[in-house]
């Protein structure tokens, strides 16, 4: 691996709920959530939606012949956030080690992932994967090491979800998806963890008009995203978890509206890399 102390953020999947392989969605991308954060030699992956397939292939090609150690931060276990895991190439190499981080007990996480790849849902059972697999709970405190710190915090979402604040080299990235605003205590917690973020990645699946009929579904709006960014003095806002019904033209309209509230706003696009 290159000896590079810079912090790199790359989007491999940005779509919510279900993949959308449609031509008019490809400007932003049709894969479900997967992000990569590199801090020097440390590689962190947030969620394993269908975007994880391409990430895994690229990692195997980039580091061919090199043993990989990857940290996978799971926000929760809804299908769109784990459906790429069975196709994540590094799991099939005995030289690699994948560490699964979440806010659940390790045995529970292992059991859930075994269930995803059990008969009759997938031909290769989870326990037969070649890579070394470890499970770590972040419930008791942050993940620290090599000059970085990963803090987990709870989000308001059906069956629960976890947000992450990653601090390294003076850079702060806050990832907040999936969540629904309107829970006073957790809204306050989110703002604490998003304070002064260089990049705030925020669940913006719905427009304010759509949200009126989607309350309780576990997702937020671009308008609420701008409020959080402004309240927390974030430097940059990236709208995330795009609705499968929002094509590229609609996404451009959403970004234009959002910039009217918070100027430094973009919508996440597959393949985009931000280097600090």
Protein backbone atom coordinates (compact mmCIF):
# COMPACT_ATOMS: atom_id res chain seq x y z
CA UNK A 1 0.00 0.00 0.00
CA UNK A 2 1.16 3.53 -0.72
CA UNK A 3 2.61 5.47 2.20
CA UNK A 4 0.14 8.33 2.00
CA UNK A 5 -1.10 10.11 5.10
CA UNK A 6 -3.90 11.93 3.30
CA UNK A 7 -7.55 11.20 4.05
CA UNK A 8 -9.53 9.95 1.05
CA UNK A 9 -13.30 9.50 0.79
CA UNK A 10 -14.84 7.65 -2.17
CA UNK A 11 -18.44 6.75 -2.96
CA UNK A 12 -19.13 3.28 -4.39
CA UNK A 13 -22.89 3.16 -3.86
CA UNK A 14 -25.25 6.06 -3.11
CA UNK A 15 -28.79 4.82 -3.81
CA UNK A 16 -31.30 3.94 -1.10
CA UNK A 17 -33.71 1.01 -0.77
CA UNK A 18 -32.98 -0.89 -3.99
CA UNK A 19 -30.47 -0.80 -6.87
CA UNK A 20 -31.62 1.10 -9.94
CA UNK A 21 -29.84 0.00 -13.16
CA UNK A 22 -31.55 2.65 -15.28
CA UNK A 23 -29.80 4.89 -17.82
CA UNK A 24 -31.39 8.07 -16.48
CA UNK A 25 -29.99 7.33 -12.98
CA UNK A 26 -26.39 6.63 -13.96
CA UNK A 27 -25.15 10.20 -13.52
CA UNK A 28 -25.39 9.67 -9.77
CA UNK A 29 -25.35 5.89 -9.76
CA UNK A 30 -27.69 2.98 -9.17
CA UNK A 31 -25.84 0.95 -6.53
CA UNK A 32 -26.89 0.82 -2.90
CA UNK A 33 -24.73 2.26 -0.10
CA UNK A 34 -21.02 1.68 0.16
CA UNK A 35 -18.29 4.21 0.98
CA UNK A 36 -14.54 3.90 1.32
CA UNK A 37 -12.43 6.00 3.67
CA UNK A 38 -8.66 5.64 3.49
CA UNK A 39 -6.42 7.12 6.13
CA UNK A 40 -2.86 6.35 5.15
CA UNK A 41 -2.63 2.54 5.08
CA UNK A 42 -5.94 2.08 6.89
CA UNK A 43 -8.98 1.21 4.78
CA UNK A 44 -12.47 1.64 6.19
CA UNK A 45 -15.62 0.62 4.34
CA UNK A 46 -18.99 1.96 5.46
CA UNK A 47 -21.75 -0.53 4.59
CA UNK A 48 -21.79 -3.26 1.98
CA UNK A 49 -24.61 -2.48 -0.40
CA UNK A 50 -24.26 -3.45 -4.06
CA UNK A 51 -21.52 -0.83 -4.45
CA UNK A 52 -19.26 -3.13 -2.42
CA UNK A 53 -18.91 -5.50 -5.38
CA UNK A 54 -16.97 -3.01 -7.50
CA UNK A 55 -14.97 -1.80 -4.50
CA UNK A 56 -13.92 -5.36 -3.72
CA UNK A 57 -12.80 -6.03 -7.28
CA UNK A 58 -10.78 -2.81 -7.37
CA UNK A 59 -9.11 -3.56 -4.04
CA UNK A 60 -8.11 -7.05 -5.16
CA UNK A 61 -6.64 -5.63 -8.37
CA UNK A 62 -4.87 -2.72 -6.69
CA UNK A 63 -3.29 -4.85 -3.98
CA UNK A 64 -2.78 -8.11 -5.91
CA UNK A 65 -0.39 -10.32 -4.01
CA UNK A 66 -0.74 -8.24 -0.83
CA UNK A 67 -2.63 -9.30 2.27
CA UNK A 68 -5.43 -6.82 3.00
CA UNK A 69 -6.81 -5.79 6.37
CA UNK A 70 -10.15 -4.04 5.98
CA UNK A 71 -12.42 -2.45 8.56
CA UNK A 72 -16.11 -2.73 7.66
CA UNK A 73 -18.34 -0.31 9.57
CA UNK A 74 -21.95 -1.45 9.46
CA UNK A 75 -24.71 1.08 10.02
CA UNK A 76 -27.46 -1.56 10.24
CA UNK A 77 -28.64 -4.72 8.52
CA UNK A 78 -31.44 -3.68 6.19
CA UNK A 79 -31.06 -5.42 2.88
CA UNK A 80 -29.83 -2.45 0.84
CA UNK A 81 -26.85 -2.03 3.19
CA UNK A 82 -25.58 -5.63 3.14
CA UNK A 83 -26.68 -7.08 -0.20
CA UNK A 84 -23.24 -6.61 -1.76
CA UNK A 85 -21.42 -8.47 1.00
CA UNK A 86 -21.65 -11.95 -0.60
CA UNK A 87 -19.98 -10.48 -3.70
CA UNK A 88 -17.17 -8.65 -1.87
CA UNK A 89 -14.04 -10.21 -3.39
CA UNK A 90 -11.63 -9.75 -0.42
CA UNK A 91 -13.75 -12.16 1.63
CA UNK A 92 -12.74 -14.99 -0.70
CA UNK A 93 -8.98 -14.73 -0.15
CA UNK A 94 -7.35 -16.52 2.78
CA UNK A 95 -4.63 -13.84 2.91
CA UNK A 96 -7.10 -11.14 3.90
CA UNK A 97 -8.61 -10.09 7.20
CA UNK A 98 -11.97 -8.30 7.44
CA UNK A 99 -13.00 -6.74 10.74
CA UNK A 100 -16.73 -6.14 11.12
CA UNK A 101 -17.56 -3.19 13.37
CA UNK A 102 -21.03 -2.30 14.64
CA UNK A 103 -22.85 -1.33 17.82
CA UNK A 104 -24.26 -4.83 18.26
CA UNK A 105 -22.72 -7.76 20.16
CA UNK A 106 -20.24 -9.64 17.93
CA UNK A 107 -22.15 -12.93 18.10
CA UNK A 108 -25.34 -11.20 16.96
CA UNK A 109 -23.60 -9.65 13.94
CA UNK A 110 -22.03 -12.98 13.00
CA UNK A 111 -25.42 -14.67 13.26
CA UNK A 112 -27.12 -12.06 11.06
CA UNK A 113 -24.50 -12.28 8.31
CA UNK A 114 -24.54 -16.06 8.43
CA UNK A 115 -28.29 -15.86 7.90
CA UNK A 116 -27.90 -13.66 4.83
CA UNK A 117 -25.66 -16.24 3.13
CA UNK A 118 -27.40 -19.38 4.36
CA UNK A 119 -29.27 -21.96 2.29
CA UNK A 120 -31.41 -21.38 0.24
CA UNK A 121 -30.50 -17.69 -0.17
CA UNK A 122 -26.91 -18.04 -1.35
CA UNK A 123 -24.77 -20.95 -2.61
CA UNK A 124 -21.72 -20.17 -0.40
CA UNK A 125 -22.33 -20.12 3.33
CA UNK A 126 -20.74 -17.32 5.35
CA UNK A 127 -18.69 -19.72 7.49
CA UNK A 128 -16.94 -21.05 4.38
CA UNK A 129 -15.50 -17.68 3.34
CA UNK A 130 -11.70 -17.89 3.17
CA UNK A 131 -10.78 -14.53 4.72
CA UNK A 132 -10.14 -14.19 8.43
CA UNK A 133 -13.15 -12.54 10.02
CA UNK A 134 -13.31 -10.69 13.32
CA UNK A 135 -16.22 -8.92 14.97
CA UNK A 136 -15.90 -5.84 17.17
CA UNK A 137 -18.58 -3.92 19.06
CA UNK A 138 -18.21 -0.13 19.22
CA UNK A 139 -20.87 0.09 21.90
CA UNK A 140 -18.30 0.48 24.68
CA UNK A 141 -16.15 3.15 23.09
CA UNK A 142 -14.49 4.51 19.95
CA UNK A 143 -12.08 2.76 17.62
CA UNK A 144 -8.64 4.34 17.92
CA UNK A 145 -5.30 3.74 16.27
CA UNK A 146 -2.74 5.05 13.78
CA UNK A 147 -3.79 8.64 14.40
CA UNK A 148 -7.50 8.18 13.75
CA UNK A 149 -10.64 7.85 15.80
CA UNK A 150 -14.02 6.40 14.80
CA UNK A 151 -16.95 7.27 17.05
CA UNK A 152 -20.34 5.61 16.68
CA UNK A 153 -23.67 7.24 17.55
CA UNK A 154 -27.32 6.12 17.39
CA UNK A 155 -29.73 7.20 14.66
CA UNK A 156 -33.54 7.27 14.59
CA UNK A 157 -34.46 4.46 12.18
CA UNK A 158 -36.75 1.39 12.27
CA UNK A 159 -34.84 -1.33 14.19
CA UNK A 160 -32.07 1.21 14.80
CA UNK A 161 -29.03 2.39 12.85
CA UNK A 162 -25.59 3.79 13.60
CA UNK A 163 -23.87 6.94 12.42
CA UNK A 164 -20.10 7.40 12.37
CA UNK A 165 -17.78 10.33 13.01
CA UNK A 166 -14.30 9.68 11.63
CA UNK A 167 -11.49 11.97 12.76
CA UNK A 168 -8.01 11.77 11.23
CA UNK A 169 -5.28 14.22 10.33
CA UNK A 170 -7.40 17.17 11.38
CA UNK A 171 -10.24 16.02 9.09
CA UNK A 172 -13.75 15.16 10.30
CA UNK A 173 -16.19 13.07 8.24
CA UNK A 174 -19.66 12.47 9.68
CA UNK A 175 -21.78 9.77 8.07
CA UNK A 176 -25.46 9.89 9.03
CA UNK A 177 -27.63 7.42 7.13
CA UNK A 178 -30.24 5.95 7.64
CA UNK A 179 -32.17 8.30 9.88
CA UNK A 180 -35.45 10.13 10.27
CA UNK A 181 -35.50 13.54 11.88
CA UNK A 182 -38.03 14.43 14.56
CA UNK A 183 -36.62 12.51 17.53
CA UNK A 184 -35.47 15.34 19.86
CA UNK A 185 -32.83 13.36 21.76
CA UNK A 186 -31.29 11.68 18.71
CA UNK A 187 -31.50 14.87 16.64
CA UNK A 188 -29.43 16.54 19.36
CA UNK A 189 -26.95 13.64 19.40
CA UNK A 190 -26.55 13.83 15.64
CA UNK A 191 -25.72 17.51 15.83
CA UNK A 192 -23.09 16.84 18.47
CA UNK A 193 -21.35 14.29 16.26
CA UNK A 194 -21.66 16.43 13.14
CA UNK A 195 -20.22 19.56 14.79
CA UNK A 196 -17.59 21.29 12.61
CA UNK A 197 -17.47 18.37 10.16
CA UNK A 198 -15.43 18.91 7.02
CA UNK A 199 -17.94 16.66 5.25
CA UNK A 200 -21.43 15.79 6.47
CA UNK A 201 -22.99 12.87 4.59
CA UNK A 202 -26.70 12.93 5.34
CA UNK A 203 -29.72 10.77 4.50
CA UNK A 204 -31.78 12.90 2.09
CA UNK A 205 -33.99 10.27 0.48
CA UNK A 206 -37.12 12.42 0.36
CA UNK A 207 -38.12 15.89 -0.67
CA UNK A 208 -40.12 17.80 1.97
CA UNK A 209 -43.26 17.18 -0.11
CA UNK A 210 -42.62 13.43 -0.32
CA UNK A 211 -41.87 13.20 3.39
CA UNK A 212 -45.41 14.23 4.33
CA UNK A 213 -46.61 10.76 3.24
CA UNK A 214 -43.47 8.87 4.33
CA UNK A 215 -43.33 9.67 8.03
CA UNK A 216 -42.20 6.67 10.02
CA UNK A 217 -40.31 5.14 7.09
CA UNK A 218 -36.95 6.04 8.61
CA UNK A 219 -35.52 8.65 6.23
CA UNK A 220 -35.01 12.39 6.10
CA UNK A 221 -35.09 15.22 3.56
CA UNK A 222 -32.67 17.50 1.76
CA UNK A 223 -34.18 20.44 3.67
CA UNK A 224 -33.45 18.88 7.06
CA UNK A 225 -29.93 18.06 5.82
CA UNK A 226 -29.27 21.75 5.15
CA UNK A 227 -30.55 22.66 8.62
CA UNK A 228 -28.22 20.16 10.27
CA UNK A 229 -25.26 21.34 8.18
CA UNK A 230 -25.96 24.95 9.08
CA UNK A 231 -26.53 24.22 12.80
CA UNK A 232 -23.29 22.22 13.01
CA UNK A 233 -21.14 24.59 10.98
CA UNK A 234 -20.27 21.80 8.56
CA UNK A 235 -17.99 22.87 5.74
CA UNK A 236 -19.59 20.68 3.09
CA UNK A 237 -22.89 18.79 2.84
CA UNK A 238 -23.32 15.69 0.68
CA UNK A 239 -26.87 14.45 0.16
CA UNK A 240 -27.00 10.64 0.31
CA UNK A 241 -29.25 7.56 0.11
CA UNK A 242 -31.02 8.83 -3.01
CA UNK A 243 -34.55 7.60 -3.58
CA UNK A 244 -34.80 4.98 -6.36
CA UNK A 245 -37.48 7.16 -7.99
CA UNK A 246 -35.18 10.19 -8.30
CA UNK A 247 -33.48 10.22 -11.69
CA UNK A 248 -30.56 12.49 -12.55
CA UNK A 249 -32.78 15.36 -13.64
CA UNK A 250 -34.65 15.25 -10.33
CA UNK A 251 -31.39 15.06 -8.40
CA UNK A 252 -30.15 18.22 -10.14
CA UNK A 253 -33.34 20.01 -9.07
CA UNK A 254 -32.87 18.82 -5.48
CA UNK A 255 -29.27 20.02 -5.36
CA UNK A 256 -30.30 23.42 -6.74
CA UNK A 257 -32.99 23.76 -4.07
CA UNK A 258 -30.64 22.61 -1.32
CA UNK A 259 -27.95 25.09 -2.33
CA UNK A 260 -30.50 27.83 -1.79
CA UNK A 261 -30.39 26.86 1.90
CA UNK A 262 -26.76 25.71 2.27
CA UNK A 263 -24.46 26.79 -0.52
CA UNK A 264 -21.76 24.10 -0.31
CA UNK A 265 -24.08 21.17 -1.05
CA UNK A 266 -23.63 18.29 -3.48
CA UNK A 267 -25.43 15.03 -4.12
CA UNK A 268 -23.31 11.91 -3.75
CA UNK A 269 -22.21 10.32 -7.03
CA UNK A 270 -20.67 6.90 -7.52
CA UNK A 271 -16.97 7.13 -8.25
CA UNK A 272 -16.53 10.57 -6.71
CA UNK A 273 -13.41 10.86 -4.57
CA UNK A 274 -12.68 13.64 -2.09
CA UNK A 275 -9.06 14.00 -0.99
CA UNK A 276 -8.13 16.12 2.03
